[in-house]
Amino acid sequence: MGIAVVLFAIYFLNVFLGAVAGNQILKDVFEMLVLAASTLFFVIAILKSEAAAKKSKN
């Protein structure tokens, strides 16, 4: 989950700087890749969490 949070923070910082200061750190393609990686790590963390909860419940 930590990797997903860090990647999303990078994405958010890039969008925020683009909106406020008008300069982006990442280009569009890299921004998309960071968001996709963040989403992927988030989904993996949630699935692992659900599997652990299901295993401990049984």
Protein backbone atom coordinates (compact mmCIF):
# COMPACT_ATOMS: atom_id res chain seq x y z
CA MET A 1 0.00 0.00 0.00
CA GLY A 2 2.95 2.30 0.70
CA ILE A 3 4.16 2.19 -2.90
CA ALA A 4 0.67 3.12 -4.14
CA VAL A 5 0.53 6.09 -1.76
CA VAL A 6 3.96 7.35 -2.83
CA LEU A 7 3.15 7.03 -6.54
CA PHE A 8 -0.19 8.76 -6.09
CA ALA A 9 1.51 11.56 -4.14
CA ILE A 10 3.92 12.05 -7.07
CA TYR A 11 0.98 12.13 -9.47
CA PHE A 12 -0.95 14.57 -7.28
CA LEU A 13 2.08 16.84 -6.88
CA ASN A 14 2.57 16.91 -10.63
CA VAL A 15 -1.09 17.82 -11.27
CA PHE A 16 -1.05 20.40 -8.48
CA LEU A 17 2.11 22.10 -9.79
CA GLY A 18 0.67 22.06 -13.30
CA ALA A 19 -2.51 23.78 -12.12
CA VAL A 20 -0.91 26.32 -9.78
CA ALA A 21 2.45 27.17 -11.32
CA GLY A 22 1.82 26.13 -14.90
CA ASN A 23 4.81 23.80 -15.06
CA GLN A 24 4.59 20.03 -14.88
CA ILE A 25 7.37 17.80 -13.63
CA LEU A 26 6.25 14.81 -15.68
CA LYS A 27 5.13 14.69 -19.29
CA ASP A 28 1.70 13.31 -20.15
CA VAL A 29 2.81 9.74 -20.89
CA PHE A 30 4.87 9.45 -17.71
CA GLU A 31 2.00 10.96 -15.72
CA MET A 32 -0.30 8.28 -17.10
CA LEU A 33 2.22 5.55 -16.26
CA VAL A 34 2.60 6.80 -12.68
CA LEU A 35 -1.16 6.84 -12.20
CA ALA A 36 -1.52 3.37 -13.74
CA ALA A 37 1.26 1.97 -11.52
CA SER A 38 -0.31 3.58 -8.46
CA THR A 39 -3.67 2.03 -9.30
CA LEU A 40 -2.08 -1.36 -9.91
CA PHE A 41 -0.25 -1.38 -6.56
CA PHE A 42 -3.42 -0.20 -4.80
CA VAL A 43 -5.48 -3.02 -6.30
CA ILE A 44 -2.81 -5.57 -5.38
CA ALA A 45 -2.72 -4.29 -1.79
CA ILE A 46 -6.52 -4.41 -1.48
CA LEU A 47 -6.69 -7.96 -2.89
CA LYS A 48 -3.97 -9.12 -0.48
CA SER A 49 -5.81 -7.47 2.41
CA GLU A 50 -9.09 -9.14 1.47
CA ALA A 51 -7.39 -12.53 1.10
CA ALA A 52 -5.79 -12.19 4.53
CA ALA A 53 -9.11 -11.18 6.10
CA LYS A 54 -10.89 -14.07 4.43
CA LYS A 55 -8.18 -16.52 5.55
CA SER A 56 -8.29 -15.34 9.17
CA LYS A 57 -12.09 -15.47 9.17
CA ASN A 58 -12.13 -19.16 8.26
